[in-house]
Amino acid sequence: MRLLSRNHDGCTFLIGKKARRILLELVQRYPVTSVSYQRERTDALKIVPDGEADLLEEALVQARKQTRRELETILKNPDSWAEDKRGIQLSLTPEHLEIMLQILNDVRVGSWVRLGCPTDLETTAEVKISEDNIELAWAINMAAWFQMGFMEAQKHV
């Protein structure tokens, strides 16, 4: 993935056809983090007053539905995707770039949680990669790769 242009209207990236398939596969997994994980985190960090966890949970469900609708808008928008001889141009407004980052973060963190929250994915001492969990390790790494490219572009918008 390569940044082609950026301005106040957004960013345009050049991605290959395989990279597009991977990105689409990743974002279709959204949401990966479970509502129960969010509740456990907020309970552990004591960031929600007693009795308001249900309100937070409902707000999270509604926010995910809205994010899913916005994702569908991005994916179906013909202005977002343009094929040229070099590959696929992906154009994202600043708002759509932020949505993509949120979605990819959910996929990355959710996959990491499902993998058992390993401290080091570089070694397999902690995690035995198997046929059952290889897609989780793949999703973590691919989501991080796209996030890095999008965040780099976001710095300059």
C-alpha atoms as a PDB file:
ATOM      1  CA  MET A   1       0.000   0.000   0.000  1.00  0.00           C
ATOM      2  CA  ARG A   2       1.335   3.390  -0.963  1.00  0.00           C
ATOM      3  CA  LEU A   3       0.004   6.858  -0.277  1.00  0.00           C
ATOM      4  CA  LEU A   4      -0.556   8.663  -3.593  1.00  0.00           C
ATOM      5  CA  SER A   5      -1.963  11.959  -2.365  1.00  0.00           C
ATOM      6  CA  ARG A   6      -3.312  13.676   0.706  1.00  0.00           C
ATOM      7  CA  ASN A   7      -5.003  16.963   1.441  1.00  0.00           C
ATOM      8  CA  HIS A   8      -7.763  18.363   3.639  1.00  0.00           C
ATOM      9  CA  ASP A   9     -10.331  16.315   1.643  1.00  0.00           C
ATOM     10  CA  GLY A  10      -8.615  13.029   2.470  1.00  0.00           C
ATOM     11  CA  CYS A  11      -6.097  10.533   1.174  1.00  0.00           C
ATOM     12  CA  THR A  12      -5.723   8.357  -1.885  1.00  0.00           C
ATOM     13  CA  PHE A  13      -3.816   5.104  -1.595  1.00  0.00           C
ATOM     14  CA  LEU A  14      -2.607   2.710  -4.237  1.00  0.00           C
ATOM     15  CA  ILE A  15      -3.108  -0.895  -3.247  1.00  0.00           C
ATOM     16  CA  GLY A  16      -2.731  -4.072  -5.209  1.00  0.00           C
ATOM     17  CA  LYS A  17      -5.633  -6.342  -6.012  1.00  0.00           C
ATOM     18  CA  LYS A  18      -4.462  -8.899  -3.445  1.00  0.00           C
ATOM     19  CA  ALA A  19      -4.117  -6.197  -0.794  1.00  0.00           C
ATOM     20  CA  ARG A  20      -7.664  -5.043  -1.573  1.00  0.00           C
ATOM     21  CA  ARG A  21      -8.978  -8.585  -1.088  1.00  0.00           C
ATOM     22  CA  ILE A  22      -7.128  -8.801   2.225  1.00  0.00           C
ATOM     23  CA  LEU A  23      -8.449  -5.426   3.401  1.00  0.00           C
ATOM     24  CA  LEU A  24     -11.999  -6.394   2.475  1.00  0.00           C
ATOM     25  CA  GLU A  25     -11.619  -9.730   4.280  1.00  0.00           C
ATOM     26  CA  LEU A  26     -10.397  -7.935   7.402  1.00  0.00           C
ATOM     27  CA  VAL A  27     -13.091  -5.277   7.578  1.00  0.00           C
ATOM     28  CA  GLN A  28     -15.870  -7.815   6.976  1.00  0.00           C
ATOM     29  CA  ARG A  29     -14.852  -9.482  10.255  1.00  0.00           C
ATOM     30  CA  TYR A  30     -15.900  -6.383  12.213  1.00  0.00           C
ATOM     31  CA  PRO A  31     -16.747  -6.453  15.080  1.00  0.00           C
ATOM     32  CA  VAL A  32     -14.359  -8.972  16.564  1.00  0.00           C
ATOM     33  CA  THR A  33     -14.109  -7.709  20.144  1.00  0.00           C
ATOM     34  CA  SER A  34     -17.011  -8.946  22.186  1.00  0.00           C
ATOM     35  CA  VAL A  35     -19.269  -6.788  24.318  1.00  0.00           C
ATOM     36  CA  SER A  36     -18.282  -8.967  27.297  1.00  0.00           C
ATOM     37  CA  TYR A  37     -14.599  -8.095  26.701  1.00  0.00           C
ATOM     38  CA  GLN A  38     -15.468  -4.395  26.758  1.00  0.00           C
ATOM     39  CA  ARG A  39     -17.417  -4.882  29.990  1.00  0.00           C
ATOM     40  CA  GLU A  40     -14.523  -6.774  31.589  1.00  0.00           C
ATOM     41  CA  ARG A  41     -12.083  -4.013  30.600  1.00  0.00           C
ATOM     42  CA  THR A  42     -14.258  -1.195  31.926  1.00  0.00           C
ATOM     43  CA  ASP A  43     -14.922  -3.135  35.148  1.00  0.00           C
ATOM     44  CA  ALA A  44     -11.215  -3.888  35.627  1.00  0.00           C
ATOM     45  CA  LEU A  45     -10.207  -0.286  34.989  1.00  0.00           C
ATOM     46  CA  LYS A  46     -13.104   1.057  37.068  1.00  0.00           C
ATOM     47  CA  ILE A  47     -13.888   3.700  34.461  1.00  0.00           C
ATOM     48  CA  VAL A  48     -17.665   3.317  34.541  1.00  0.00           C
ATOM     49  CA  PRO A  49     -19.686   4.270  37.620  1.00  0.00           C
ATOM     50  CA  ASP A  50     -21.658   1.440  39.196  1.00  0.00           C
ATOM     51  CA  GLY A  51     -24.969   0.805  37.487  1.00  0.00           C
ATOM     52  CA  GLU A  52     -23.979   2.434  34.212  1.00  0.00           C
ATOM     53  CA  ALA A  53     -22.361  -0.594  32.569  1.00  0.00           C
ATOM     54  CA  ASP A  54     -25.639  -1.481  30.850  1.00  0.00           C
ATOM     55  CA  LEU A  55     -25.866   2.026  29.390  1.00  0.00           C
ATOM     56  CA  LEU A  56     -22.295   1.777  28.133  1.00  0.00           C
ATOM     57  CA  GLU A  57     -22.995  -1.643  26.647  1.00  0.00           C
ATOM     58  CA  GLU A  58     -26.060  -0.359  24.779  1.00  0.00           C
ATOM     59  CA  ALA A  59     -24.105   2.654  23.528  1.00  0.00           C
ATOM     60  CA  LEU A  60     -21.385   0.304  22.284  1.00  0.00           C
ATOM     61  CA  VAL A  61     -23.916  -1.855  20.428  1.00  0.00           C
ATOM     62  CA  GLN A  62     -25.417   1.237  18.780  1.00  0.00           C
ATOM     63  CA  ALA A  63     -21.977   2.634  17.904  1.00  0.00           C
ATOM     64  CA  ARG A  64     -21.023  -0.671  16.268  1.00  0.00           C
ATOM     65  CA  LYS A  65     -24.203  -0.663  14.192  1.00  0.00           C
ATOM     66  CA  GLN A  66     -23.442   2.879  13.046  1.00  0.00           C
ATOM     67  CA  THR A  67     -19.837   1.975  12.238  1.00  0.00           C
ATOM     68  CA  ARG A  68     -21.042  -1.045  10.254  1.00  0.00           C
ATOM     69  CA  ARG A  69     -23.405   1.220   8.253  1.00  0.00           C
ATOM     70  CA  GLU A  70     -20.571   3.666   7.582  1.00  0.00           C
ATOM     71  CA  LEU A  71     -18.322   0.796   6.501  1.00  0.00           C
ATOM     72  CA  GLU A  72     -20.951  -0.370   4.021  1.00  0.00           C
ATOM     73  CA  THR A  73     -21.125   3.180   2.664  1.00  0.00           C
ATOM     74  CA  ILE A  74     -17.357   3.209   2.136  1.00  0.00           C
ATOM     75  CA  LEU A  75     -17.321  -0.223   0.514  1.00  0.00           C
ATOM     76  CA  LYS A  76     -20.209   0.541  -1.848  1.00  0.00           C
ATOM     77  CA  ASN A  77     -19.096   4.072  -2.776  1.00  0.00           C
ATOM     78  CA  PRO A  78     -17.738   4.015  -6.341  1.00  0.00           C
ATOM     79  CA  ASP A  79     -15.720   7.161  -5.534  1.00  0.00           C
ATOM     80  CA  SER A  80     -13.775   5.194  -2.904  1.00  0.00           C
ATOM     81  CA  TRP A  81     -12.445   2.583  -5.326  1.00  0.00           C
ATOM     82  CA  ALA A  82     -10.898   3.185  -8.746  1.00  0.00           C
ATOM     83  CA  GLU A  83      -8.957   0.662 -10.768  1.00  0.00           C
ATOM     84  CA  ASP A  84      -5.986   1.798 -12.816  1.00  0.00           C
ATOM     85  CA  LYS A  85      -3.082   0.059 -14.531  1.00  0.00           C
ATOM     86  CA  ARG A  86      -1.015   0.104 -11.326  1.00  0.00           C
ATOM     87  CA  GLY A  87      -3.667  -1.400  -9.070  1.00  0.00           C
ATOM     88  CA  ILE A  88      -6.593  -0.084  -7.062  1.00  0.00           C
ATOM     89  CA  GLN A  89      -6.880   3.485  -5.838  1.00  0.00           C
ATOM     90  CA  LEU A  90      -8.611   3.760  -2.479  1.00  0.00           C
ATOM     91  CA  SER A  91      -9.791   7.279  -1.650  1.00  0.00           C
ATOM     92  CA  LEU A  92     -10.857   7.998   1.905  1.00  0.00           C
ATOM     93  CA  THR A  93     -12.156  11.188   3.472  1.00  0.00           C
ATOM     94  CA  PRO A  94     -10.649  12.025   6.880  1.00  0.00           C
ATOM     95  CA  GLU A  95     -13.832  10.644   8.487  1.00  0.00           C
ATOM     96  CA  HIS A  96     -13.682   7.420   6.464  1.00  0.00           C
ATOM     97  CA  LEU A  97      -9.991   7.032   7.266  1.00  0.00           C
ATOM     98  CA  GLU A  98     -10.819   7.262  10.970  1.00  0.00           C
ATOM     99  CA  ILE A  99     -13.592   4.666  10.580  1.00  0.00           C
ATOM    100  CA  MET A 100     -11.219   2.285   8.801  1.00  0.00           C
ATOM    101  CA  LEU A 101      -8.680   2.724  11.603  1.00  0.00           C
ATOM    102  CA  GLN A 102     -11.316   1.989  14.249  1.00  0.00           C
ATOM    103  CA  ILE A 103     -12.478  -1.113  12.413  1.00  0.00           C
ATOM    104  CA  LEU A 104      -8.958  -2.419  11.846  1.00  0.00           C
ATOM    105  CA  ASN A 105      -8.129  -1.788  15.500  1.00  0.00           C
ATOM    106  CA  ASP A 106     -11.158  -3.796  16.573  1.00  0.00           C
ATOM    107  CA  VAL A 107     -10.137  -6.643  14.262  1.00  0.00           C
ATOM    108  CA  ARG A 108      -6.542  -6.567  15.522  1.00  0.00           C
ATOM    109  CA  VAL A 109      -7.360  -6.332  19.229  1.00  0.00           C
ATOM    110  CA  GLY A 110     -10.274  -8.765  19.029  1.00  0.00           C
ATOM    111  CA  SER A 111      -8.127 -11.330  17.227  1.00  0.00           C
ATOM    112  CA  TRP A 112      -5.368 -10.826  19.807  1.00  0.00           C
ATOM    113  CA  VAL A 113      -7.856 -11.418  22.652  1.00  0.00           C
ATOM    114  CA  ARG A 114      -9.183 -14.568  20.978  1.00  0.00           C
ATOM    115  CA  LEU A 115      -5.607 -15.763  20.555  1.00  0.00           C
ATOM    116  CA  GLY A 116      -5.129 -15.488  24.327  1.00  0.00           C
ATOM    117  CA  CYS A 117      -3.522 -12.032  24.625  1.00  0.00           C
ATOM    118  CA  PRO A 118       0.053 -13.160  23.886  1.00  0.00           C
ATOM    119  CA  THR A 119       2.767 -10.700  24.847  1.00  0.00           C
ATOM    120  CA  ASP A 120       4.954 -11.599  21.889  1.00  0.00           C
ATOM    121  CA  LEU A 121       3.577 -12.671  18.549  1.00  0.00           C
ATOM    122  CA  GLU A 122       7.061 -12.838  17.053  1.00  0.00           C
ATOM    123  CA  THR A 123       7.864 -16.054  18.851  1.00  0.00           C
ATOM    124  CA  THR A 124       5.663 -19.083  19.063  1.00  0.00           C
ATOM    125  CA  ALA A 125       6.823 -19.967  22.563  1.00  0.00           C
ATOM    126  CA  GLU A 126       3.668 -18.435  24.015  1.00  0.00           C
ATOM    127  CA  VAL A 127       1.280 -19.284  21.198  1.00  0.00           C
ATOM    128  CA  LYS A 128       1.279 -22.526  19.319  1.00  0.00           C
ATOM    129  CA  ILE A 129       0.065 -21.570  15.862  1.00  0.00           C
ATOM    130  CA  SER A 130      -2.329 -24.216  14.618  1.00  0.00           C
ATOM    131  CA  GLU A 131      -4.890 -24.643  11.906  1.00  0.00           C
ATOM    132  CA  ASP A 132      -7.506 -23.460  14.408  1.00  0.00           C
ATOM    133  CA  ASN A 133      -5.856 -20.131  15.225  1.00  0.00           C
ATOM    134  CA  ILE A 134      -3.685 -19.250  12.240  1.00  0.00           C
ATOM    135  CA  GLU A 135      -6.349 -16.874  10.870  1.00  0.00           C
ATOM    136  CA  LEU A 136      -6.244 -14.918  14.132  1.00  0.00           C
ATOM    137  CA  ALA A 137      -2.468 -14.443  13.871  1.00  0.00           C
ATOM    138  CA  TRP A 138      -2.906 -13.493  10.206  1.00  0.00           C
ATOM    139  CA  ALA A 139      -5.625 -10.954  11.041  1.00  0.00           C
ATOM    140  CA  ILE A 140      -3.516  -9.350  13.770  1.00  0.00           C
ATOM    141  CA  ASN A 141      -0.571  -8.850  11.453  1.00  0.00           C
ATOM    142  CA  MET A 142      -2.536  -7.760   8.395  1.00  0.00           C
ATOM    143  CA  ALA A 143      -4.703  -5.320  10.347  1.00  0.00           C
ATOM    144  CA  ALA A 144      -1.568  -3.826  11.905  1.00  0.00           C
ATOM    145  CA  TRP A 145       0.023  -3.453   8.455  1.00  0.00           C
ATOM    146  CA  PHE A 146      -2.977  -1.529   7.094  1.00  0.00           C
ATOM    147  CA  GLN A 147      -3.258   0.520  10.278  1.00  0.00           C
ATOM    148  CA  MET A 148       0.364   1.628   9.998  1.00  0.00           C
ATOM    149  CA  GLY A 149      -0.174   2.808   6.421  1.00  0.00           C
ATOM    150  CA  PHE A 150      -3.381   4.649   7.277  1.00  0.00           C
ATOM    151  CA  MET A 151      -1.932   6.216  10.438  1.00  0.00           C
ATOM    152  CA  GLU A 152       1.117   7.444   8.576  1.00  0.00           C
ATOM    153  CA  ALA A 153      -1.147   9.189   6.065  1.00  0.00           C
ATOM    154  CA  GLN A 154      -3.361  10.529   8.852  1.00  0.00           C
ATOM    155  CA  LYS A 155      -0.393  12.322  10.440  1.00  0.00           C
ATOM    156  CA  HIS A 156      -0.105  14.570   7.433  1.00  0.00           C
ATOM    157  CA  VAL A 157      -3.761  15.402   6.753  1.00  0.00           C
END
